[in-house]
PDB file of N, CA and C in Angstrom:
ATOM      1  N   UNK A   1       0.819  -1.189   0.000  1.00  0.00           N
ATOM      2  CA  UNK A   1       0.000   0.000   0.000  1.00  0.00           C
ATOM      3  C   UNK A   1       0.872   1.266   0.000  1.00  0.00           C
ATOM      4  N   UNK A   2       1.979   1.236   0.705  1.00  0.00           N
ATOM      5  CA  UNK A   2       2.883   2.371   0.763  1.00  0.00           C
ATOM      6  C   UNK A   2       3.490   2.689  -0.590  1.00  0.00           C
ATOM      7  N   UNK A   3       3.814   1.637  -1.362  1.00  0.00           N
ATOM      8  CA  UNK A   3       4.396   1.839  -2.691  1.00  0.00           C
ATOM      9  C   UNK A   3       3.401   2.509  -3.624  1.00  0.00           C
ATOM     10  N   UNK A   4       2.145   2.107  -3.531  1.00  0.00           N
ATOM     11  CA  UNK A   4       1.112   2.692  -4.398  1.00  0.00           C
ATOM     12  C   UNK A   4       0.932   4.175  -4.065  1.00  0.00           C
ATOM     13  N   UNK A   5       0.898   4.493  -2.774  1.00  0.00           N
ATOM     14  CA  UNK A   5       0.767   5.891  -2.353  1.00  0.00           C
ATOM     15  C   UNK A   5       1.933   6.723  -2.845  1.00  0.00           C
ATOM     16  N   UNK A   6       3.147   6.175  -2.714  1.00  0.00           N
ATOM     17  CA  UNK A   6       4.340   6.886  -3.173  1.00  0.00           C
ATOM     18  C   UNK A   6       4.271   7.134  -4.672  1.00  0.00           C
ATOM     19  N   UNK A   7       3.898   6.107  -5.441  1.00  0.00           N
ATOM     20  CA  UNK A   7       3.806   6.246  -6.897  1.00  0.00           C
ATOM     21  C   UNK A   7       2.748   7.270  -7.291  1.00  0.00           C
ATOM     22  N   UNK A   8       1.638   7.271  -6.587  1.00  0.00           N
ATOM     23  CA  UNK A   8       0.579   8.224  -6.883  1.00  0.00           C
ATOM     24  C   UNK A   8       1.048   9.657  -6.615  1.00  0.00           C
ATOM     25  N   UNK A   9       1.649   9.864  -5.468  1.00  0.00           N
ATOM     26  CA  UNK A   9       2.150  11.204  -5.119  1.00  0.00           C
ATOM     27  C   UNK A   9       3.240  11.639  -6.092  1.00  0.00           C
ATOM     28  N   UNK A  10       4.162  10.722  -6.423  1.00  0.00           N
ATOM     29  CA  UNK A  10       5.242  11.029  -7.352  1.00  0.00           C
ATOM     30  C   UNK A  10       4.687  11.403  -8.725  1.00  0.00           C
ATOM     31  N   UNK A  11       3.703  10.663  -9.215  1.00  0.00           N
ATOM     32  CA  UNK A  11       3.156  10.942 -10.541  1.00  0.00           C
ATOM     33  C   UNK A  11       2.428  12.281 -10.573  1.00  0.00           C
ATOM     34  N   UNK A  12       1.713  12.624  -9.493  1.00  0.00           N
ATOM     35  CA  UNK A  12       1.038  13.915  -9.432  1.00  0.00           C
ATOM     36  C   UNK A  12       2.067  15.041  -9.414  1.00  0.00           C
ATOM     37  N   UNK A  13       3.108  14.895  -8.603  1.00  0.00           N
ATOM     38  CA  UNK A  13       4.148  15.916  -8.534  1.00  0.00           C
ATOM     39  C   UNK A  13       4.860  16.057  -9.875  1.00  0.00           C
ATOM     40  N   UNK A  14       5.138  14.942 -10.546  1.00  0.00           N
ATOM     41  CA  UNK A  14       5.827  14.971 -11.827  1.00  0.00           C
ATOM     42  C   UNK A  14       4.963  15.657 -12.881  1.00  0.00           C
ATOM     43  N   UNK A  15       3.657  15.354 -12.906  1.00  0.00           N
ATOM     44  CA  UNK A  15       2.792  15.975 -13.903  1.00  0.00           C
ATOM     45  C   UNK A  15       2.651  17.466 -13.640  1.00  0.00           C
ATOM     46  N   UNK A  16       2.665  17.871 -12.370  1.00  0.00           N
ATOM     47  CA  UNK A  16       2.590  19.299 -12.057  1.00  0.00           C
ATOM     48  C   UNK A  16       3.866  20.001 -12.516  1.00  0.00           C
ATOM     49  N   UNK A  17       4.991  19.355 -12.291  1.00  0.00           N
ATOM     50  CA  UNK A  17       6.270  19.981 -12.611  1.00  0.00           C
ATOM     51  C   UNK A  17       6.513  20.061 -14.113  1.00  0.00           C
ATOM     52  N   UNK A  18       6.029  19.083 -14.866  1.00  0.00           N
ATOM     53  CA  UNK A  18       6.350  19.075 -16.292  1.00  0.00           C
ATOM     54  C   UNK A  18       5.147  19.299 -17.190  1.00  0.00           C
ATOM     55  N   UNK A  19       4.006  18.733 -16.857  1.00  0.00           N
ATOM     56  CA  UNK A  19       2.871  18.749 -17.764  1.00  0.00           C
ATOM     57  C   UNK A  19       2.044  20.016 -17.711  1.00  0.00           C
ATOM     58  N   UNK A  20       1.910  20.620 -16.571  1.00  0.00           N
ATOM     59  CA  UNK A  20       1.013  21.757 -16.463  1.00  0.00           C
ATOM     60  C   UNK A  20       1.689  22.922 -15.754  1.00  0.00           C
ATOM     61  N   UNK A  21       2.573  23.583 -16.473  1.00  0.00           N
ATOM     62  CA  UNK A  21       3.310  24.691 -15.869  1.00  0.00           C
ATOM     63  C   UNK A  21       2.436  25.921 -15.660  1.00  0.00           C
ATOM     64  N   UNK A  22       1.280  25.947 -16.298  1.00  0.00           N
ATOM     65  CA  UNK A  22       0.402  27.104 -16.173  1.00  0.00           C
ATOM     66  C   UNK A  22      -0.645  26.950 -15.074  1.00  0.00           C
ATOM     67  N   UNK A  23      -0.614  25.842 -14.353  1.00  0.00           N
ATOM     68  CA  UNK A  23      -1.629  25.604 -13.323  1.00  0.00           C
ATOM     69  C   UNK A  23      -1.672  26.736 -12.303  1.00  0.00           C
ATOM     70  N   UNK A  24      -0.530  27.151 -11.808  1.00  0.00           N
ATOM     71  CA  UNK A  24      -0.479  28.220 -10.812  1.00  0.00           C
ATOM     72  C   UNK A  24      -0.990  29.533 -11.405  1.00  0.00           C
ATOM     73  N   UNK A  25      -0.669  29.790 -12.646  1.00  0.00           N
ATOM     74  CA  UNK A  25      -1.114  31.017 -13.311  1.00  0.00           C
ATOM     75  C   UNK A  25      -2.634  31.020 -13.501  1.00  0.00           C
ATOM     76  N   UNK A  26      -3.166  29.869 -13.892  1.00  0.00           N
ATOM     77  CA  UNK A  26      -4.599  29.765 -14.166  1.00  0.00           C
ATOM     78  C   UNK A  26      -5.464  30.023 -12.944  1.00  0.00           C
ATOM     79  N   UNK A  27      -4.936  29.789 -11.754  1.00  0.00           N
ATOM     80  CA  UNK A  27      -5.716  30.024 -10.544  1.00  0.00           C
ATOM     81  C   UNK A  27      -6.273  31.448 -10.519  1.00  0.00           C
ATOM     82  N   UNK A  28      -5.468  32.407 -10.928  1.00  0.00           N
ATOM     83  CA  UNK A  28      -5.923  33.806 -10.953  1.00  0.00           C
ATOM     84  C   UNK A  28      -6.430  34.240 -12.324  1.00  0.00           C
ATOM     85  N   UNK A  29      -5.723  33.837 -13.366  1.00  0.00           N
ATOM     86  CA  UNK A  29      -6.047  34.343 -14.698  1.00  0.00           C
ATOM     87  C   UNK A  29      -7.361  33.828 -15.250  1.00  0.00           C
ATOM     88  N   UNK A  30      -7.900  32.772 -14.715  1.00  0.00           N
ATOM     89  CA  UNK A  30      -9.204  32.296 -15.172  1.00  0.00           C
ATOM     90  C   UNK A  30     -10.345  33.008 -14.464  1.00  0.00           C
ATOM     91  N   UNK A  31     -10.076  33.605 -13.303  1.00  0.00           N
ATOM     92  CA  UNK A  31     -11.158  34.184 -12.507  1.00  0.00           C
ATOM     93  C   UNK A  31     -11.114  35.696 -12.415  1.00  0.00           C
ATOM     94  N   UNK A  32      -9.965  36.257 -12.015  1.00  0.00           N
ATOM     95  CA  UNK A  32      -9.966  37.683 -11.709  1.00  0.00           C
ATOM     96  C   UNK A  32      -8.896  38.508 -12.421  1.00  0.00           C
ATOM     97  N   UNK A  33      -7.972  37.890 -13.088  1.00  0.00           N
ATOM     98  CA  UNK A  33      -6.911  38.621 -13.783  1.00  0.00           C
ATOM     99  C   UNK A  33      -7.171  38.628 -15.282  1.00  0.00           C
ATOM    100  N   UNK A  34      -6.502  39.509 -16.017  1.00  0.00           N
ATOM    101  CA  UNK A  34      -6.686  39.540 -17.478  1.00  0.00           C
ATOM    102  C   UNK A  34      -6.323  38.182 -18.096  1.00  0.00           C
ATOM    103  N   UNK A  35      -7.085  37.758 -19.097  1.00  0.00           N
ATOM    104  CA  UNK A  35      -6.805  36.471 -19.744  1.00  0.00           C
ATOM    105  C   UNK A  35      -5.493  36.499 -20.528  1.00  0.00           C
ATOM    106  N   UNK A  36      -4.924  35.315 -20.695  1.00  0.00           N
ATOM    107  CA  UNK A  36      -3.631  35.196 -21.380  1.00  0.00           C
ATOM    108  C   UNK A  36      -3.659  35.768 -22.791  1.00  0.00           C
ATOM    109  N   UNK A  37      -4.764  35.565 -23.522  1.00  0.00           N
ATOM    110  CA  UNK A  37      -4.790  36.057 -24.899  1.00  0.00           C
ATOM    111  C   UNK A  37      -4.674  37.582 -24.947  1.00  0.00           C
ATOM    112  N   UNK A  38      -5.275  38.283 -23.988  1.00  0.00           N
ATOM    113  CA  UNK A  38      -5.170  39.738 -23.936  1.00  0.00           C
ATOM    114  C   UNK A  38      -3.736  40.165 -23.604  1.00  0.00           C
ATOM    115  N   UNK A  39      -3.134  39.463 -22.663  1.00  0.00           N
ATOM    116  CA  UNK A  39      -1.765  39.788 -22.265  1.00  0.00           C
ATOM    117  C   UNK A  39      -0.799  39.544 -23.424  1.00  0.00           C
ATOM    118  N   UNK A  40      -0.961  38.400 -24.093  1.00  0.00           N
ATOM    119  CA  UNK A  40      -0.085  38.070 -25.216  1.00  0.00           C
ATOM    120  C   UNK A  40      -0.201  39.125 -26.326  1.00  0.00           C
ATOM    121  N   UNK A  41      -1.424  39.524 -26.662  1.00  0.00           N
ATOM    122  CA  UNK A  41      -1.609  40.525 -27.716  1.00  0.00           C
ATOM    123  C   UNK A  41      -0.954  41.856 -27.343  1.00  0.00           C
ATOM    124  N   UNK A  42      -1.064  42.236 -26.080  1.00  0.00           N
ATOM    125  CA  UNK A  42      -0.445  43.487 -25.614  1.00  0.00           C
ATOM    126  C   UNK A  42       1.076  43.420 -25.764  1.00  0.00           C
ATOM    127  N   UNK A  43       1.667  42.299 -25.347  1.00  0.00           N
ATOM    128  CA  UNK A  43       3.116  42.126 -25.499  1.00  0.00           C
ATOM    129  C   UNK A  43       3.505  42.140 -26.973  1.00  0.00           C
ATOM    130  N   UNK A  44       2.702  41.482 -27.806  1.00  0.00           N
ATOM    131  CA  UNK A  44       3.017  41.401 -29.234  1.00  0.00           C
ATOM    132  C   UNK A  44       2.975  42.781 -29.897  1.00  0.00           C
ATOM    133  N   UNK A  45       2.039  43.613 -29.471  1.00  0.00           N
ATOM    134  CA  UNK A  45       1.975  44.972 -30.018  1.00  0.00           C
ATOM    135  C   UNK A  45       3.220  45.784 -29.670  1.00  0.00           C
ATOM    136  N   UNK A  46       3.747  45.567 -28.490  1.00  0.00           N
ATOM    137  CA  UNK A  46       4.897  46.344 -28.038  1.00  0.00           C
ATOM    138  C   UNK A  46       6.220  45.765 -28.539  1.00  0.00           C
ATOM    139  N   UNK A  47       6.368  44.453 -28.480  1.00  0.00           N
ATOM    140  CA  UNK A  47       7.660  43.828 -28.831  1.00  0.00           C
ATOM    141  C   UNK A  47       7.718  43.300 -30.256  1.00  0.00           C
ATOM    142  N   UNK A  48       6.603  43.087 -30.902  1.00  0.00           N
ATOM    143  CA  UNK A  48       6.438  42.746 -32.314  1.00  0.00           C
ATOM    144  C   UNK A  48       7.164  41.493 -32.828  1.00  0.00           C
ATOM    145  N   UNK A  49       7.772  40.720 -31.968  1.00  0.00           N
ATOM    146  CA  UNK A  49       8.351  39.449 -32.393  1.00  0.00           C
ATOM    147  C   UNK A  49       8.180  38.426 -31.278  1.00  0.00           C
ATOM    148  N   UNK A  50       8.092  37.163 -31.661  1.00  0.00           N
ATOM    149  CA  UNK A  50       7.937  36.111 -30.655  1.00  0.00           C
ATOM    150  C   UNK A  50       9.102  36.114 -29.676  1.00  0.00           C
ATOM    151  N   UNK A  51      10.292  36.306 -30.201  1.00  0.00           N
ATOM    152  CA  UNK A  51      11.481  36.301 -29.353  1.00  0.00           C
ATOM    153  C   UNK A  51      11.422  37.435 -28.319  1.00  0.00           C
ATOM    154  N   UNK A  52      11.040  38.615 -28.767  1.00  0.00           N
ATOM    155  CA  UNK A  52      10.921  39.752 -27.865  1.00  0.00           C
ATOM    156  C   UNK A  52       9.836  39.541 -26.822  1.00  0.00           C
ATOM    157  N   UNK A  53       8.716  38.983 -27.265  1.00  0.00           N
ATOM    158  CA  UNK A  53       7.604  38.695 -26.355  1.00  0.00           C
ATOM    159  C   UNK A  53       8.045  37.687 -25.304  1.00  0.00           C
ATOM    160  N   UNK A  54       8.661  36.601 -25.759  1.00  0.00           N
ATOM    161  CA  UNK A  54       9.094  35.549 -24.829  1.00  0.00           C
ATOM    162  C   UNK A  54      10.082  36.087 -23.798  1.00  0.00           C
ATOM    163  N   UNK A  55      11.023  36.909 -24.231  1.00  0.00           N
ATOM    164  CA  UNK A  55      12.012  37.455 -23.296  1.00  0.00           C
ATOM    165  C   UNK A  55      11.348  38.378 -22.277  1.00  0.00           C
ATOM    166  N   UNK A  56      10.490  39.278 -22.753  1.00  0.00           N
ATOM    167  CA  UNK A  56       9.846  40.241 -21.850  1.00  0.00           C
ATOM    168  C   UNK A  56       8.912  39.536 -20.856  1.00  0.00           C
ATOM    169  N   UNK A  57       8.144  38.574 -21.340  1.00  0.00           N
ATOM    170  CA  UNK A  57       7.225  37.863 -20.441  1.00  0.00           C
ATOM    171  C   UNK A  57       7.998  37.034 -19.417  1.00  0.00           C
ATOM    172  N   UNK A  58       9.075  36.396 -19.853  1.00  0.00           N
ATOM    173  CA  UNK A  58       9.907  35.601 -18.941  1.00  0.00           C
ATOM    174  C   UNK A  58      10.529  36.507 -17.884  1.00  0.00           C
ATOM    175  N   UNK A  59      11.064  37.636 -18.312  1.00  0.00           N
ATOM    176  CA  UNK A  59      11.651  38.588 -17.360  1.00  0.00           C
ATOM    177  C   UNK A  59      10.623  39.035 -16.324  1.00  0.00           C
ATOM    178  N   UNK A  60       9.389  39.272 -16.776  1.00  0.00           N
ATOM    179  CA  UNK A  60       8.336  39.684 -15.848  1.00  0.00           C
ATOM    180  C   UNK A  60       8.043  38.578 -14.835  1.00  0.00           C
ATOM    181  N   UNK A  61       7.933  37.336 -15.293  1.00  0.00           N
ATOM    182  CA  UNK A  61       7.583  36.231 -14.388  1.00  0.00           C
ATOM    183  C   UNK A  61       8.692  35.919 -13.382  1.00  0.00           C
ATOM    184  N   UNK A  62       9.929  36.178 -13.770  1.00  0.00           N
ATOM    185  CA  UNK A  62      11.046  35.945 -12.844  1.00  0.00           C
ATOM    186  C   UNK A  62      11.047  36.999 -11.739  1.00  0.00           C
ATOM    187  N   UNK A  63      10.779  38.239 -12.110  1.00  0.00           N
ATOM    188  CA  UNK A  63      10.759  39.328 -11.129  1.00  0.00           C
ATOM    189  C   UNK A  63       9.613  40.285 -11.463  1.00  0.00           C
ATOM    190  N   UNK A  64       8.373  39.919 -11.097  1.00  0.00           N
ATOM    191  CA  UNK A  64       7.218  40.756 -11.460  1.00  0.00           C
ATOM    192  C   UNK A  64       7.163  42.062 -10.652  1.00  0.00           C
ATOM    193  N   UNK A  65       7.055  43.170 -11.374  1.00  0.00           N
ATOM    194  CA  UNK A  65       6.915  44.471 -10.723  1.00  0.00           C
ATOM    195  C   UNK A  65       5.850  45.264 -11.476  1.00  0.00           C
ATOM    196  N   UNK A  66       5.298  46.262 -10.818  1.00  0.00           N
ATOM    197  CA  UNK A  66       4.318  47.121 -11.479  1.00  0.00           C
ATOM    198  C   UNK A  66       4.932  47.836 -12.675  1.00  0.00           C
ATOM    199  N   UNK A  67       6.197  48.203 -12.546  1.00  0.00           N
ATOM    200  CA  UNK A  67       6.884  48.924 -13.628  1.00  0.00           C
ATOM    201  C   UNK A  67       7.007  48.053 -14.891  1.00  0.00           C
ATOM    202  N   UNK A  68       7.255  46.767 -14.712  1.00  0.00           N
ATOM    203  CA  UNK A  68       7.395  45.859 -15.854  1.00  0.00           C
ATOM    204  C   UNK A  68       6.051  45.473 -16.463  1.00  0.00           C
ATOM    205  N   UNK A  69       4.975  45.605 -15.710  1.00  0.00           N
ATOM    206  CA  UNK A  69       3.650  45.220 -16.198  1.00  0.00           C
ATOM    207  C   UNK A  69       3.235  46.115 -17.357  1.00  0.00           C
ATOM    208  N   UNK A  70       2.642  45.522 -18.384  1.00  0.00           N
ATOM    209  CA  UNK A  70       2.201  46.286 -19.547  1.00  0.00           C
ATOM    210  C   UNK A  70       0.757  46.754 -19.429  1.00  0.00           C
ATOM    211  N   UNK A  71       0.105  46.422 -18.330  1.00  0.00           N
ATOM    212  CA  UNK A  71      -1.270  46.852 -18.147  1.00  0.00           C
ATOM    213  C   UNK A  71      -1.337  48.372 -18.003  1.00  0.00           C
ATOM    214  N   UNK A  72      -2.417  48.985 -18.495  1.00  0.00           N
ATOM    215  CA  UNK A  72      -2.597  50.421 -18.255  1.00  0.00           C
ATOM    216  C   UNK A  72      -2.704  50.691 -16.750  1.00  0.00           C
ATOM    217  N   UNK A  73      -2.405  51.919 -16.367  1.00  0.00           N
ATOM    218  CA  UNK A  73      -2.351  52.298 -14.951  1.00  0.00           C
ATOM    219  C   UNK A  73      -3.620  51.896 -14.190  1.00  0.00           C
ATOM    220  N   UNK A  74      -4.775  52.150 -14.778  1.00  0.00           N
ATOM    221  CA  UNK A  74      -6.039  51.835 -14.116  1.00  0.00           C
ATOM    222  C   UNK A  74      -6.204  50.327 -13.904  1.00  0.00           C
ATOM    223  N   UNK A  75      -5.778  49.555 -14.889  1.00  0.00           N
ATOM    224  CA  UNK A  75      -5.902  48.096 -14.782  1.00  0.00           C
ATOM    225  C   UNK A  75      -4.906  47.532 -13.774  1.00  0.00           C
ATOM    226  N   UNK A  76      -3.740  48.162 -13.656  1.00  0.00           N
ATOM    227  CA  UNK A  76      -2.757  47.711 -12.670  1.00  0.00           C
ATOM    228  C   UNK A  76      -3.350  47.799 -11.269  1.00  0.00           C
ATOM    229  N   UNK A  77      -4.054  48.882 -10.992  1.00  0.00           N
ATOM    230  CA  UNK A  77      -4.673  49.046  -9.674  1.00  0.00           C
ATOM    231  C   UNK A  77      -5.705  47.946  -9.414  1.00  0.00           C
ATOM    232  N   UNK A  78      -6.421  47.592 -10.461  1.00  0.00           N
ATOM    233  CA  UNK A  78      -7.505  46.612 -10.303  1.00  0.00           C
ATOM    234  C   UNK A  78      -7.018  45.169 -10.316  1.00  0.00           C
ATOM    235  N   UNK A  79      -6.070  44.847 -11.202  1.00  0.00           N
ATOM    236  CA  UNK A  79      -5.710  43.454 -11.430  1.00  0.00           C
ATOM    237  C   UNK A  79      -4.383  42.995 -10.851  1.00  0.00           C
ATOM    238  N   UNK A  80      -3.430  43.891 -10.670  1.00  0.00           N
ATOM    239  CA  UNK A  80      -2.100  43.440 -10.242  1.00  0.00           C
ATOM    240  C   UNK A  80      -2.162  42.988  -8.786  1.00  0.00           C
ATOM    241  N   UNK A  81      -1.831  41.732  -8.520  1.00  0.00           N
ATOM    242  CA  UNK A  81      -1.923  41.222  -7.147  1.00  0.00           C
ATOM    243  C   UNK A  81      -0.856  41.837  -6.242  1.00  0.00           C
ATOM    244  N   UNK A  82      -1.153  41.851  -4.957  1.00  0.00           N
ATOM    245  CA  UNK A  82      -0.192  42.383  -3.994  1.00  0.00           C
ATOM    246  C   UNK A  82       1.136  41.638  -4.081  1.00  0.00           C
ATOM    247  N   UNK A  83       1.054  40.327  -4.201  1.00  0.00           N
ATOM    248  CA  UNK A  83       2.262  39.517  -4.307  1.00  0.00           C
ATOM    249  C   UNK A  83       2.137  38.566  -5.492  1.00  0.00           C
ATOM    250  N   UNK A  84       2.528  39.047  -6.643  1.00  0.00           N
ATOM    251  CA  UNK A  84       2.514  38.195  -7.839  1.00  0.00           C
ATOM    252  C   UNK A  84       3.552  37.105  -7.633  1.00  0.00           C
ATOM    253  N   UNK A  85       3.209  35.844  -7.923  1.00  0.00           N
ATOM    254  CA  UNK A  85       4.203  34.781  -7.715  1.00  0.00           C
ATOM    255  C   UNK A  85       5.430  34.966  -8.606  1.00  0.00           C
ATOM    256  N   UNK A  86       6.581  34.615  -8.056  1.00  0.00           N
ATOM    257  CA  UNK A  86       7.826  34.643  -8.825  1.00  0.00           C
ATOM    258  C   UNK A  86       8.124  33.220  -9.268  1.00  0.00           C
ATOM    259  N   UNK A  87       8.700  33.082 -10.437  1.00  0.00           N
ATOM    260  CA  UNK A  87       9.014  31.777 -10.991  1.00  0.00           C
ATOM    261  C   UNK A  87      10.512  31.638 -11.208  1.00  0.00           C
ATOM    262  N   UNK A  88      10.971  30.411 -11.200  1.00  0.00           N
ATOM    263  CA  UNK A  88      12.344  30.148 -11.624  1.00  0.00           C
ATOM    264  C   UNK A  88      12.394  30.374 -13.126  1.00  0.00           C
ATOM    265  N   UNK A  89      13.577  30.665 -13.635  1.00  0.00           N
ATOM    266  CA  UNK A  89      13.710  30.965 -15.060  1.00  0.00           C
ATOM    267  C   UNK A  89      13.208  29.820 -15.939  1.00  0.00           C
ATOM    268  N   UNK A  90      13.508  28.585 -15.568  1.00  0.00           N
ATOM    269  CA  UNK A  90      13.085  27.442 -16.378  1.00  0.00           C
ATOM    270  C   UNK A  90      11.558  27.304 -16.389  1.00  0.00           C
ATOM    271  N   UNK A  91      10.919  27.522 -15.231  1.00  0.00           N
ATOM    272  CA  UNK A  91       9.455  27.460 -15.160  1.00  0.00           C
ATOM    273  C   UNK A  91       8.825  28.582 -15.978  1.00  0.00           C
ATOM    274  N   UNK A  92       9.380  29.773 -15.855  1.00  0.00           N
ATOM    275  CA  UNK A  92       8.857  30.927 -16.582  1.00  0.00           C
ATOM    276  C   UNK A  92       8.947  30.703 -18.087  1.00  0.00           C
ATOM    277  N   UNK A  93      10.073  30.177 -18.548  1.00  0.00           N
ATOM    278  CA  UNK A  93      10.245  29.917 -19.984  1.00  0.00           C
ATOM    279  C   UNK A  93       9.215  28.906 -20.487  1.00  0.00           C
ATOM    280  N   UNK A  94       8.974  27.845 -19.708  1.00  0.00           N
ATOM    281  CA  UNK A  94       7.984  26.834 -20.105  1.00  0.00           C
ATOM    282  C   UNK A  94       6.592  27.437 -20.186  1.00  0.00           C
ATOM    283  N   UNK A  95       6.218  28.226 -19.184  1.00  0.00           N
ATOM    284  CA  UNK A  95       4.890  28.840 -19.151  1.00  0.00           C
ATOM    285  C   UNK A  95       4.710  29.792 -20.333  1.00  0.00           C
ATOM    286  N   UNK A  96       5.697  30.618 -20.582  1.00  0.00           N
ATOM    287  CA  UNK A  96       5.617  31.579 -21.681  1.00  0.00           C
ATOM    288  C   UNK A  96       5.556  30.861 -23.020  1.00  0.00           C
ATOM    289  N   UNK A  97       6.345  29.832 -23.180  1.00  0.00           N
ATOM    290  CA  UNK A  97       6.338  29.065 -24.433  1.00  0.00           C
ATOM    291  C   UNK A  97       4.939  28.493 -24.706  1.00  0.00           C
ATOM    292  N   UNK A  98       4.298  27.958 -23.652  1.00  0.00           N
ATOM    293  CA  UNK A  98       2.945  27.418 -23.817  1.00  0.00           C
ATOM    294  C   UNK A  98       1.945  28.512 -24.191  1.00  0.00           C
ATOM    295  N   UNK A  99       2.054  29.668 -23.558  1.00  0.00           N
ATOM    296  CA  UNK A  99       1.150  30.781 -23.862  1.00  0.00           C
ATOM    297  C   UNK A  99       1.339  31.234 -25.306  1.00  0.00           C
ATOM    298  N   UNK A 100       2.585  31.405 -25.724  1.00  0.00           N
ATOM    299  CA  UNK A 100       2.871  31.850 -27.086  1.00  0.00           C
ATOM    300  C   UNK A 100       2.375  30.829 -28.101  1.00  0.00           C
ATOM    301  N   UNK A 101       2.589  29.549 -27.843  1.00  0.00           N
ATOM    302  CA  UNK A 101       2.109  28.507 -28.763  1.00  0.00           C
ATOM    303  C   UNK A 101       0.594  28.523 -28.869  1.00  0.00           C
ATOM    304  N   UNK A 102      -0.086  28.676 -27.748  1.00  0.00           N
ATOM    305  CA  UNK A 102      -1.546  28.614 -27.752  1.00  0.00           C
ATOM    306  C   UNK A 102      -2.191  29.839 -28.383  1.00  0.00           C
ATOM    307  N   UNK A 103      -1.630  31.013 -28.159  1.00  0.00           N
ATOM    308  CA  UNK A 103      -2.272  32.250 -28.615  1.00  0.00           C
ATOM    309  C   UNK A 103      -1.568  32.898 -29.801  1.00  0.00           C
ATOM    310  N   UNK A 104      -0.682  32.179 -30.456  1.00  0.00           N
ATOM    311  CA  UNK A 104       0.031  32.706 -31.609  1.00  0.00           C
ATOM    312  C   UNK A 104      -0.970  33.110 -32.696  1.00  0.00           C
ATOM    313  N   UNK A 105      -0.878  34.340 -33.139  1.00  0.00           N
ATOM    314  CA  UNK A 105      -1.827  34.863 -34.118  1.00  0.00           C
ATOM    315  C   UNK A 105      -1.571  34.335 -35.524  1.00  0.00           C
ATOM    316  N   UNK A 106      -0.330  34.026 -35.837  1.00  0.00           N
ATOM    317  CA  UNK A 106       0.016  33.539 -37.174  1.00  0.00           C
ATOM    318  C   UNK A 106      -0.724  32.228 -37.479  1.00  0.00           C
ATOM    319  N   UNK A 107      -0.860  31.374 -36.490  1.00  0.00           N
ATOM    320  CA  UNK A 107      -1.571  30.111 -36.690  1.00  0.00           C
ATOM    321  C   UNK A 107      -3.049  30.342 -37.006  1.00  0.00           C
ATOM    322  N   UNK A 108      -3.584  31.456 -36.589  1.00  0.00           N
ATOM    323  CA  UNK A 108      -5.007  31.731 -36.761  1.00  0.00           C
ATOM    324  C   UNK A 108      -5.336  32.395 -38.092  1.00  0.00           C
ATOM    325  N   UNK A 109      -4.324  32.860 -38.800  1.00  0.00           N
ATOM    326  CA  UNK A 109      -4.558  33.528 -40.083  1.00  0.00           C
ATOM    327  C   UNK A 109      -4.774  32.468 -41.153  1.00  0.00           C
ATOM    328  N   UNK A 110      -5.852  32.624 -41.888  1.00  0.00           N
ATOM    329  CA  UNK A 110      -6.165  31.696 -42.990  1.00  0.00           C
ATOM    330  C   UNK A 110      -5.983  32.443 -44.298  1.00  0.00           C
ATOM    331  N   UNK A 111      -5.225  31.837 -45.187  1.00  0.00           N
ATOM    332  CA  UNK A 111      -4.980  32.439 -46.486  1.00  0.00           C
ATOM    333  C   UNK A 111      -5.986  31.842 -47.464  1.00  0.00           C
ATOM    334  N   UNK A 112      -6.752  32.709 -48.093  1.00  0.00           N
ATOM    335  CA  UNK A 112      -7.767  32.270 -49.055  1.00  0.00           C
ATOM    336  C   UNK A 112      -7.202  32.476 -50.451  1.00  0.00           C
ATOM    337  N   UNK A 113      -7.261  31.429 -51.241  1.00  0.00           N
ATOM    338  CA  UNK A 113      -6.760  31.516 -52.622  1.00  0.00           C
ATOM    339  C   UNK A 113      -7.877  31.658 -53.590  1.00  0.00           C
TER     340      UNK A 113
END
C-alpha cells in the first residue's frame, strides 16, 4: 500500500512539474486577472516578435513588478496582485512558451486563394 501511495504522489508531482506549468497562473487568470490572450496581444503589439515577447514575459515572471507590467495604470490598480508569484527561469520559460504557442496569431490567419 505504501508503494502505491508513493507512486501516486510522485506521478502527481511529476505531472505538475512538467505537464502543467500554467496551473499556478490559471488560478488567478481564469477568474480575476486579465486572460492570457489579452496579455499576449499586448506584449506582441509592443515587442512585435515572438522572441521579444518571450524574453519580456519571462523577465516579468522571474521578477514581477508594477513597472514591468504592460497593463494600463487603471488596470494595474484593479488586477495586479499584492504579491505576484515569482518563478524560476526554467518554469517561466515553459509557461511563456505554452502561452505563445496557444495564442500565436500567425496560426489563426487563414490564407484564401
